[in-house]
Amino acid sequence: MDLKKIKSLIQFVSKSEISEIKIQIKNTKIYIKNNITFRKKKKNSWSTMSSKLSSSISNFSDRFSKKVNENEYLTIKSPMIGTFYRKPHPDKNPFVQVGDKIKIGTKVCVIEAMKLFNNIESEVDGKLIQVLVEDATPVDYDQPLFLLDPNY
């Protein structure tokens, strides 16, 4: 199983009502546990879960949503549960700073999940106006990380 499929599986489990999943493909074993408690329990067939997985893999733009207050901002959200890091290494500078102009594909942070460091890239253009999370702190799926002004 390649890294992209594992990341997609982690994202799917974190968004779903699945409490845990174990997969073994030849000599590779994967165990994912979702610690989120859900209010309503409903039965999902495998076909329903696999279609949800397919749609979640193809629709990564859900991490970015418009937030309208007095101004219109773009919010970059966490695509997974893990630990948020602004820097590639403790001695290095952050990937992005407030005031930076961010383009599509710019690496904005790293999220560590299950001892894997996942590069998070922007899927929108904008000027960074606020970092919403402290460095080296846990983040949840869909938690806002950055605010961007699209009208820079």
N, C-alpha and C. Protein backbone atom coordinates (compact mmCIF):
# COMPACT_ATOMS: atom_id res chain seq x y z
N MET A 1 0.86 -1.17 0.00
CA MET A 1 0.00 0.00 0.00
C MET A 1 0.90 1.23 0.00
N ASP A 2 0.65 2.15 -0.89
CA ASP A 2 1.50 3.34 -0.94
C ASP A 2 1.04 4.39 0.08
N LEU A 3 1.88 5.39 0.31
CA LEU A 3 1.65 6.40 1.34
C LEU A 3 0.37 7.19 1.09
N LYS A 4 0.06 7.51 -0.16
CA LYS A 4 -1.16 8.27 -0.47
C LYS A 4 -2.41 7.50 -0.08
N LYS A 5 -2.42 6.20 -0.32
CA LYS A 5 -3.58 5.39 0.04
C LYS A 5 -3.72 5.31 1.56
N ILE A 6 -2.59 5.21 2.26
CA ILE A 6 -2.64 5.17 3.73
C ILE A 6 -3.16 6.49 4.27
N LYS A 7 -2.67 7.62 3.73
CA LYS A 7 -3.15 8.94 4.17
C LYS A 7 -4.65 9.07 3.91
N SER A 8 -5.10 8.63 2.76
CA SER A 8 -6.53 8.70 2.43
C SER A 8 -7.35 7.85 3.38
N LEU A 9 -6.83 6.69 3.72
CA LEU A 9 -7.52 5.82 4.65
C LEU A 9 -7.61 6.46 6.03
N ILE A 10 -6.53 7.09 6.49
CA ILE A 10 -6.54 7.78 7.78
C ILE A 10 -7.58 8.89 7.76
N GLN A 11 -7.61 9.67 6.69
CA GLN A 11 -8.58 10.76 6.58
C GLN A 11 -10.01 10.22 6.58
N PHE A 12 -10.23 9.13 5.88
CA PHE A 12 -11.56 8.54 5.82
C PHE A 12 -12.01 8.08 7.20
N VAL A 13 -11.14 7.38 7.91
CA VAL A 13 -11.49 6.88 9.24
C VAL A 13 -11.74 8.04 10.19
N SER A 14 -10.94 9.11 10.10
CA SER A 14 -11.12 10.25 11.00
C SER A 14 -12.44 10.96 10.75
N LYS A 15 -12.97 10.94 9.52
CA LYS A 15 -14.24 11.60 9.21
C LYS A 15 -15.44 10.69 9.43
N SER A 16 -15.21 9.40 9.51
CA SER A 16 -16.33 8.47 9.57
C SER A 16 -16.70 8.10 11.00
N GLU A 17 -17.67 7.22 11.11
CA GLU A 17 -18.10 6.72 12.41
C GLU A 17 -17.43 5.40 12.74
N ILE A 18 -16.39 5.05 12.00
CA ILE A 18 -15.65 3.82 12.25
C ILE A 18 -14.77 4.04 13.48
N SER A 19 -14.85 3.13 14.46
CA SER A 19 -14.05 3.32 15.66
C SER A 19 -12.64 2.76 15.47
N GLU A 20 -12.49 1.70 14.72
CA GLU A 20 -11.16 1.17 14.43
C GLU A 20 -11.23 0.28 13.20
N ILE A 21 -10.07 0.13 12.56
CA ILE A 21 -9.99 -0.71 11.37
C ILE A 21 -8.61 -1.37 11.34
N LYS A 22 -8.61 -2.64 10.98
CA LYS A 22 -7.36 -3.39 10.82
C LYS A 22 -7.32 -3.92 9.40
N ILE A 23 -6.19 -3.73 8.74
CA ILE A 23 -6.04 -4.18 7.36
C ILE A 23 -4.71 -4.91 7.26
N GLN A 24 -4.71 -6.03 6.54
CA GLN A 24 -3.46 -6.72 6.27
C GLN A 24 -3.41 -7.05 4.79
N ILE A 25 -2.37 -6.56 4.14
CA ILE A 25 -2.12 -6.86 2.73
C ILE A 25 -0.72 -7.46 2.66
N LYS A 26 -0.66 -8.74 2.42
CA LYS A 26 0.58 -9.52 2.45
C LYS A 26 1.25 -9.34 3.80
N ASN A 27 2.46 -8.77 3.84
CA ASN A 27 3.19 -8.60 5.11
C ASN A 27 2.95 -7.24 5.75
N THR A 28 2.12 -6.40 5.15
CA THR A 28 1.85 -5.07 5.68
C THR A 28 0.57 -5.09 6.50
N LYS A 29 0.71 -4.66 7.76
CA LYS A 29 -0.45 -4.58 8.64
C LYS A 29 -0.68 -3.13 9.01
N ILE A 30 -1.94 -2.68 8.94
CA ILE A 30 -2.30 -1.31 9.29
C ILE A 30 -3.43 -1.38 10.31
N TYR A 31 -3.27 -0.62 11.38
CA TYR A 31 -4.29 -0.53 12.42
C TYR A 31 -4.54 0.95 12.68
N ILE A 32 -5.78 1.38 12.50
CA ILE A 32 -6.16 2.78 12.71
C ILE A 32 -7.29 2.79 13.72
N LYS A 33 -7.12 3.61 14.75
CA LYS A 33 -8.15 3.73 15.78
C LYS A 33 -8.63 5.16 15.82
N ASN A 34 -9.94 5.35 15.77
CA ASN A 34 -10.56 6.66 15.80
C ASN A 34 -11.09 6.87 17.21
N ASN A 35 -10.56 7.86 17.94
CA ASN A 35 -10.96 8.08 19.33
C ASN A 35 -12.16 9.00 19.47
N ILE A 36 -12.79 9.40 18.37
CA ILE A 36 -13.93 10.31 18.41
C ILE A 36 -15.18 9.52 18.78
N THR A 37 -15.96 10.03 19.72
CA THR A 37 -17.23 9.42 20.10
C THR A 37 -18.35 10.09 19.33
N PHE A 38 -19.20 9.29 18.71
CA PHE A 38 -20.29 9.83 17.91
C PHE A 38 -21.59 9.73 18.68
N ARG A 39 -22.47 10.69 18.47
CA ARG A 39 -23.76 10.70 19.16
C ARG A 39 -24.72 9.68 18.58
N LYS A 40 -24.74 9.57 17.27
CA LYS A 40 -25.66 8.64 16.62
C LYS A 40 -24.84 7.53 15.97
N LYS A 41 -25.29 6.34 16.11
CA LYS A 41 -24.67 5.20 15.47
C LYS A 41 -25.56 4.76 14.32
N LYS A 42 -24.97 4.57 13.18
CA LYS A 42 -25.75 4.04 12.08
C LYS A 42 -24.91 3.00 11.35
N LYS A 43 -25.58 2.07 10.73
CA LYS A 43 -24.88 0.99 10.05
C LYS A 43 -24.46 1.46 8.67
N ASN A 44 -23.21 1.16 8.33
CA ASN A 44 -22.69 1.47 6.99
C ASN A 44 -22.28 0.18 6.31
N SER A 45 -22.73 -0.03 5.13
CA SER A 45 -22.28 -1.18 4.38
C SER A 45 -20.92 -0.84 3.78
N TRP A 46 -20.19 -1.87 3.40
CA TRP A 46 -18.86 -1.64 2.83
C TRP A 46 -18.95 -0.81 1.55
N SER A 47 -19.96 -1.03 0.74
CA SER A 47 -20.09 -0.25 -0.50
C SER A 47 -20.31 1.23 -0.19
N THR A 48 -21.08 1.53 0.87
CA THR A 48 -21.29 2.92 1.26
C THR A 48 -19.98 3.53 1.73
N MET A 49 -19.23 2.77 2.56
CA MET A 49 -17.95 3.28 3.06
C MET A 49 -16.95 3.48 1.94
N SER A 50 -16.90 2.54 0.98
CA SER A 50 -15.93 2.69 -0.10
C SER A 50 -16.29 3.85 -1.01
N SER A 51 -17.59 4.11 -1.21
CA SER A 51 -17.97 5.27 -2.03
C SER A 51 -17.63 6.56 -1.29
N LYS A 52 -17.80 6.57 0.06
CA LYS A 52 -17.42 7.74 0.83
C LYS A 52 -15.91 7.96 0.75
N LEU A 53 -15.13 6.85 0.80
CA LEU A 53 -13.68 6.96 0.69
C LEU A 53 -13.29 7.53 -0.66
N SER A 54 -13.92 7.05 -1.72
CA SER A 54 -13.62 7.57 -3.06
C SER A 54 -13.92 9.05 -3.17
N SER A 55 -15.06 9.47 -2.62
CA SER A 55 -15.41 10.89 -2.72
C SER A 55 -14.50 11.74 -1.84
N SER A 56 -14.07 11.21 -0.69
CA SER A 56 -13.18 12.00 0.17
C SER A 56 -11.80 12.12 -0.44
N ILE A 57 -11.36 11.10 -1.15
CA ILE A 57 -10.05 11.16 -1.80
C ILE A 57 -10.08 12.19 -2.93
N SER A 58 -11.15 12.20 -3.70
CA SER A 58 -11.22 13.11 -4.85
C SER A 58 -11.56 14.55 -4.47
N ASN A 59 -12.05 14.77 -3.26
CA ASN A 59 -12.50 16.11 -2.90
C ASN A 59 -11.71 16.69 -1.73
N PHE A 60 -10.43 16.97 -1.96
CA PHE A 60 -9.59 17.55 -0.92
C PHE A 60 -9.85 19.03 -0.74
N SER A 61 -10.58 19.65 -1.63
CA SER A 61 -10.83 21.08 -1.51
C SER A 61 -11.79 21.41 -0.37
N ASP A 62 -12.39 20.39 0.27
CA ASP A 62 -13.25 20.63 1.43
C ASP A 62 -12.46 21.22 2.59
N ARG A 63 -11.15 21.06 2.59
CA ARG A 63 -10.33 21.61 3.68
C ARG A 63 -10.32 23.12 3.64
N PHE A 64 -10.70 23.69 2.53
CA PHE A 64 -10.67 25.13 2.37
C PHE A 64 -12.09 25.63 2.21
N SER A 65 -12.51 26.47 3.11
CA SER A 65 -13.86 27.00 3.00
C SER A 65 -13.83 28.49 3.19
N LYS A 66 -14.80 29.17 2.65
CA LYS A 66 -14.87 30.62 2.81
C LYS A 66 -15.56 30.95 4.12
N LYS A 67 -15.00 31.91 4.82
CA LYS A 67 -15.57 32.36 6.08
C LYS A 67 -15.92 33.83 5.89
N VAL A 68 -17.19 34.13 6.03
CA VAL A 68 -17.64 35.49 5.78
C VAL A 68 -18.01 36.16 7.10
N ASN A 69 -17.32 37.23 7.45
CA ASN A 69 -17.67 38.09 8.57
C ASN A 69 -17.81 39.47 7.96
N GLU A 70 -17.05 40.42 8.44
CA GLU A 70 -17.04 41.73 7.80
C GLU A 70 -16.24 41.64 6.50
N ASN A 71 -15.19 40.85 6.53
CA ASN A 71 -14.37 40.61 5.34
C ASN A 71 -14.56 39.14 4.94
N GLU A 72 -14.12 38.82 3.76
CA GLU A 72 -14.21 37.45 3.29
C GLU A 72 -12.82 36.84 3.34
N TYR A 73 -12.65 35.78 4.13
CA TYR A 73 -11.36 35.12 4.27
C TYR A 73 -11.46 33.67 3.84
N LEU A 74 -10.32 33.12 3.44
CA LEU A 74 -10.22 31.70 3.15
C LEU A 74 -9.60 31.04 4.37
N THR A 75 -10.12 29.91 4.76
CA THR A 75 -9.61 29.18 5.91
C THR A 75 -8.95 27.90 5.42
N ILE A 76 -7.69 27.71 5.77
CA ILE A 76 -7.02 26.44 5.48
C ILE A 76 -7.25 25.57 6.71
N LYS A 77 -7.84 24.40 6.49
CA LYS A 77 -8.19 23.50 7.59
C LYS A 77 -7.31 22.26 7.58
N SER A 78 -7.21 21.63 8.73
CA SER A 78 -6.42 20.42 8.86
C SER A 78 -7.10 19.26 8.12
N PRO A 79 -6.35 18.55 7.29
CA PRO A 79 -6.94 17.42 6.58
C PRO A 79 -6.94 16.13 7.40
N MET A 80 -6.38 16.19 8.62
CA MET A 80 -6.27 14.97 9.42
C MET A 80 -6.05 15.31 10.90
N ILE A 81 -6.13 14.31 11.72
CA ILE A 81 -5.82 14.43 13.13
C ILE A 81 -4.32 14.19 13.29
N GLY A 82 -3.66 15.01 14.09
CA GLY A 82 -2.22 14.82 14.30
C GLY A 82 -1.63 15.97 15.07
N THR A 83 -0.32 16.12 14.96
CA THR A 83 0.40 17.21 15.61
C THR A 83 0.85 18.20 14.56
N PHE A 84 0.52 19.47 14.77
CA PHE A 84 0.78 20.56 13.83
C PHE A 84 2.18 21.13 14.06
N TYR A 85 2.96 21.26 12.99
CA TYR A 85 4.28 21.88 13.06
C TYR A 85 4.38 22.97 12.00
N ARG A 86 4.78 24.17 12.42
CA ARG A 86 4.96 25.28 11.48
C ARG A 86 6.32 25.23 10.79
N LYS A 87 7.29 24.50 11.37
CA LYS A 87 8.67 24.47 10.86
C LYS A 87 9.03 23.06 10.39
N PRO A 88 9.94 22.98 9.42
CA PRO A 88 10.38 21.66 8.98
C PRO A 88 11.31 20.99 10.01
N HIS A 89 11.93 21.81 10.87
CA HIS A 89 12.86 21.33 11.90
C HIS A 89 12.90 22.40 12.98
N PRO A 90 13.11 22.04 14.25
CA PRO A 90 13.10 23.05 15.31
C PRO A 90 14.05 24.22 15.12
N ASP A 91 15.21 24.01 14.42
CA ASP A 91 16.15 25.12 14.21
C ASP A 91 15.84 25.95 12.98
N LYS A 92 14.86 25.55 12.19
CA LYS A 92 14.55 26.23 10.93
C LYS A 92 13.45 27.28 11.13
N ASN A 93 13.28 28.13 10.10
CA ASN A 93 12.21 29.13 10.10
C ASN A 93 10.89 28.47 9.71
N PRO A 94 9.76 29.07 10.12
CA PRO A 94 8.45 28.52 9.73
C PRO A 94 8.30 28.50 8.20
N PHE A 95 7.47 27.59 7.72
CA PHE A 95 7.20 27.50 6.29
C PHE A 95 6.63 28.82 5.77
N VAL A 96 5.67 29.38 6.51
CA VAL A 96 5.04 30.64 6.13
C VAL A 96 4.89 31.54 7.36
N GLN A 97 4.88 32.86 7.13
CA GLN A 97 4.74 33.83 8.20
C GLN A 97 3.56 34.75 7.88
N VAL A 98 3.00 35.37 8.90
CA VAL A 98 1.92 36.34 8.69
C VAL A 98 2.44 37.43 7.74
N GLY A 99 1.65 37.75 6.73
CA GLY A 99 2.03 38.73 5.73
C GLY A 99 2.55 38.12 4.44
N ASP A 100 2.92 36.85 4.46
CA ASP A 100 3.41 36.17 3.26
C ASP A 100 2.29 35.99 2.24
N LYS A 101 2.64 36.12 0.97
CA LYS A 101 1.70 35.82 -0.12
C LYS A 101 1.86 34.35 -0.45
N ILE A 102 0.78 33.62 -0.33
CA ILE A 102 0.80 32.17 -0.52
C ILE A 102 0.14 31.83 -1.85
N LYS A 103 0.80 30.99 -2.60
CA LYS A 103 0.29 30.52 -3.89
C LYS A 103 -0.16 29.07 -3.75
N ILE A 104 -0.94 28.61 -4.68
CA ILE A 104 -1.36 27.21 -4.71
C ILE A 104 -0.10 26.34 -4.77
N GLY A 105 -0.03 25.34 -3.90
CA GLY A 105 1.12 24.44 -3.86
C GLY A 105 2.18 24.83 -2.85
N THR A 106 2.03 25.98 -2.21
CA THR A 106 3.00 26.40 -1.19
C THR A 106 2.83 25.54 0.05
N LYS A 107 3.94 24.98 0.54
CA LYS A 107 3.89 24.18 1.75
C LYS A 107 3.68 25.13 2.93
N VAL A 108 2.61 24.92 3.70
CA VAL A 108 2.27 25.82 4.80
C VAL A 108 2.58 25.23 6.18
N CYS A 109 2.61 23.91 6.29
CA CYS A 109 2.91 23.28 7.58
C CYS A 109 3.13 21.78 7.36
N VAL A 110 3.41 21.10 8.47
CA VAL A 110 3.53 19.64 8.47
C VAL A 110 2.64 19.14 9.59
N ILE A 111 1.93 18.06 9.35
CA ILE A 111 1.14 17.42 10.39
C ILE A 111 1.64 15.98 10.55
N GLU A 112 2.03 15.67 11.78
CA GLU A 112 2.50 14.33 12.09
C GLU A 112 1.30 13.49 12.51
N ALA A 113 1.12 12.37 11.83
CA ALA A 113 0.05 11.44 12.18
C ALA A 113 0.62 10.03 12.08
N MET A 114 0.52 9.30 13.15
CA MET A 114 1.02 7.92 13.20
C MET A 114 2.49 7.83 12.78
N LYS A 115 3.28 8.75 13.28
CA LYS A 115 4.73 8.82 13.03
C LYS A 115 5.07 9.10 11.57
N LEU A 116 4.10 9.58 10.81
CA LEU A 116 4.33 10.01 9.43
C LEU A 116 4.18 11.52 9.38
N PHE A 117 5.13 12.20 8.74
CA PHE A 117 5.08 13.64 8.61
C PHE A 117 4.46 13.97 7.25
N ASN A 118 3.30 14.61 7.28
CA ASN A 118 2.53 14.90 6.07
C ASN A 118 2.66 16.38 5.73
N ASN A 119 3.22 16.67 4.56
CA ASN A 119 3.32 18.05 4.10
C ASN A 119 1.94 18.55 3.71
N ILE A 120 1.56 19.71 4.24
CA ILE A 120 0.28 20.31 3.91
C ILE A 120 0.55 21.49 3.00
N GLU A 121 -0.02 21.44 1.80
CA GLU A 121 0.17 22.50 0.81
C GLU A 121 -1.13 23.27 0.62
N SER A 122 -0.99 24.55 0.31
CA SER A 122 -2.16 25.39 0.07
C SER A 122 -2.79 25.03 -1.27
N GLU A 123 -4.10 25.01 -1.29
CA GLU A 123 -4.83 24.80 -2.55
C GLU A 123 -5.50 26.09 -3.00
N VAL A 124 -5.13 27.21 -2.36
CA VAL A 124 -5.68 28.51 -2.71
C VAL A 124 -4.57 29.57 -2.66
N ASP A 125 -4.80 30.69 -3.34
CA ASP A 125 -3.90 31.84 -3.29
C ASP A 125 -4.44 32.83 -2.26
N GLY A 126 -3.53 33.53 -1.60
CA GLY A 126 -3.96 34.56 -0.66
C GLY A 126 -2.80 35.06 0.18
N LYS A 127 -3.08 36.07 0.97
CA LYS A 127 -2.09 36.63 1.88
C LYS A 127 -2.40 36.11 3.28
N LEU A 128 -1.40 35.54 3.95
CA LEU A 128 -1.59 34.98 5.28
C LEU A 128 -1.82 36.11 6.28
N ILE A 129 -2.98 36.08 6.93
CA ILE A 129 -3.28 37.14 7.89
C ILE A 129 -3.28 36.64 9.33
N GLN A 130 -3.42 35.31 9.53
CA GLN A 130 -3.41 34.80 10.89
C GLN A 130 -3.11 33.31 10.92
N VAL A 131 -2.25 32.91 11.87
CA VAL A 131 -2.00 31.50 12.16
C VAL A 131 -2.86 31.18 13.38
N LEU A 132 -3.74 30.21 13.27
CA LEU A 132 -4.73 29.94 14.30
C LEU A 132 -4.31 28.85 15.30
N VAL A 133 -3.16 28.21 15.07
CA VAL A 133 -2.73 27.09 15.90
C VAL A 133 -1.29 27.31 16.34
N GLU A 134 -0.99 26.98 17.59
CA GLU A 134 0.38 27.07 18.11
C GLU A 134 1.21 25.91 17.55
N ASP A 135 2.50 26.16 17.39
CA ASP A 135 3.41 25.14 16.89
C ASP A 135 3.49 23.96 17.87
N ALA A 136 3.58 22.76 17.32
CA ALA A 136 3.75 21.52 18.09
C ALA A 136 2.55 21.22 19.00
N THR A 137 1.35 21.55 18.54
CA THR A 137 0.15 21.23 19.31
C THR A 137 -0.73 20.27 18.50
N PRO A 138 -1.57 19.49 19.19
CA PRO A 138 -2.47 18.58 18.49
C PRO A 138 -3.56 19.33 17.74
N VAL A 139 -3.95 18.80 16.59
CA VAL A 139 -5.05 19.37 15.82
C VAL A 139 -6.03 18.25 15.47
N ASP A 140 -7.29 18.63 15.28
CA ASP A 140 -8.33 17.69 14.88
C ASP A 140 -8.59 17.83 13.39
N TYR A 141 -9.27 16.84 12.85
CA TYR A 141 -9.68 16.91 11.46
C TYR A 141 -10.58 18.12 11.25
N ASP A 142 -10.36 18.85 10.19
CA ASP A 142 -11.17 20.00 9.79
C ASP A 142 -11.02 21.21 10.72
N GLN A 143 -10.01 21.21 11.57
CA GLN A 143 -9.75 22.36 12.45
C GLN A 143 -9.08 23.46 11.64
N PRO A 144 -9.56 24.70 11.75
CA PRO A 144 -8.92 25.81 11.03
C PRO A 144 -7.48 26.01 11.49
N LEU A 145 -6.57 26.15 10.52
CA LEU A 145 -5.14 26.34 10.81
C LEU A 145 -4.67 27.75 10.46
N PHE A 146 -5.09 28.26 9.29
CA PHE A 146 -4.64 29.55 8.79
C PHE A 146 -5.82 30.34 8.21
N LEU A 147 -5.74 31.66 8.30
CA LEU A 147 -6.68 32.55 7.61
C LEU A 147 -5.93 33.27 6.51
N LEU A 148 -6.51 33.29 5.30
CA LEU A 148 -5.90 33.96 4.16
C LEU A 148 -6.85 35.00 3.61
N ASP A 149 -6.29 36.12 3.19
CA ASP A 149 -7.06 37.15 2.52
C ASP A 149 -6.88 36.96 1.02
N PRO A 150 -7.96 36.60 0.30
CA PRO A 150 -7.82 36.36 -1.13
C PRO A 150 -7.65 37.64 -1.95
N ASN A 151 -7.95 38.79 -1.33
CA ASN A 151 -7.89 40.07 -2.04
C ASN A 151 -6.63 40.85 -1.68
N TYR A 152 -5.47 40.26 -1.81
CA TYR A 152 -4.23 40.93 -1.41
C TYR A 152 -3.68 41.83 -2.48
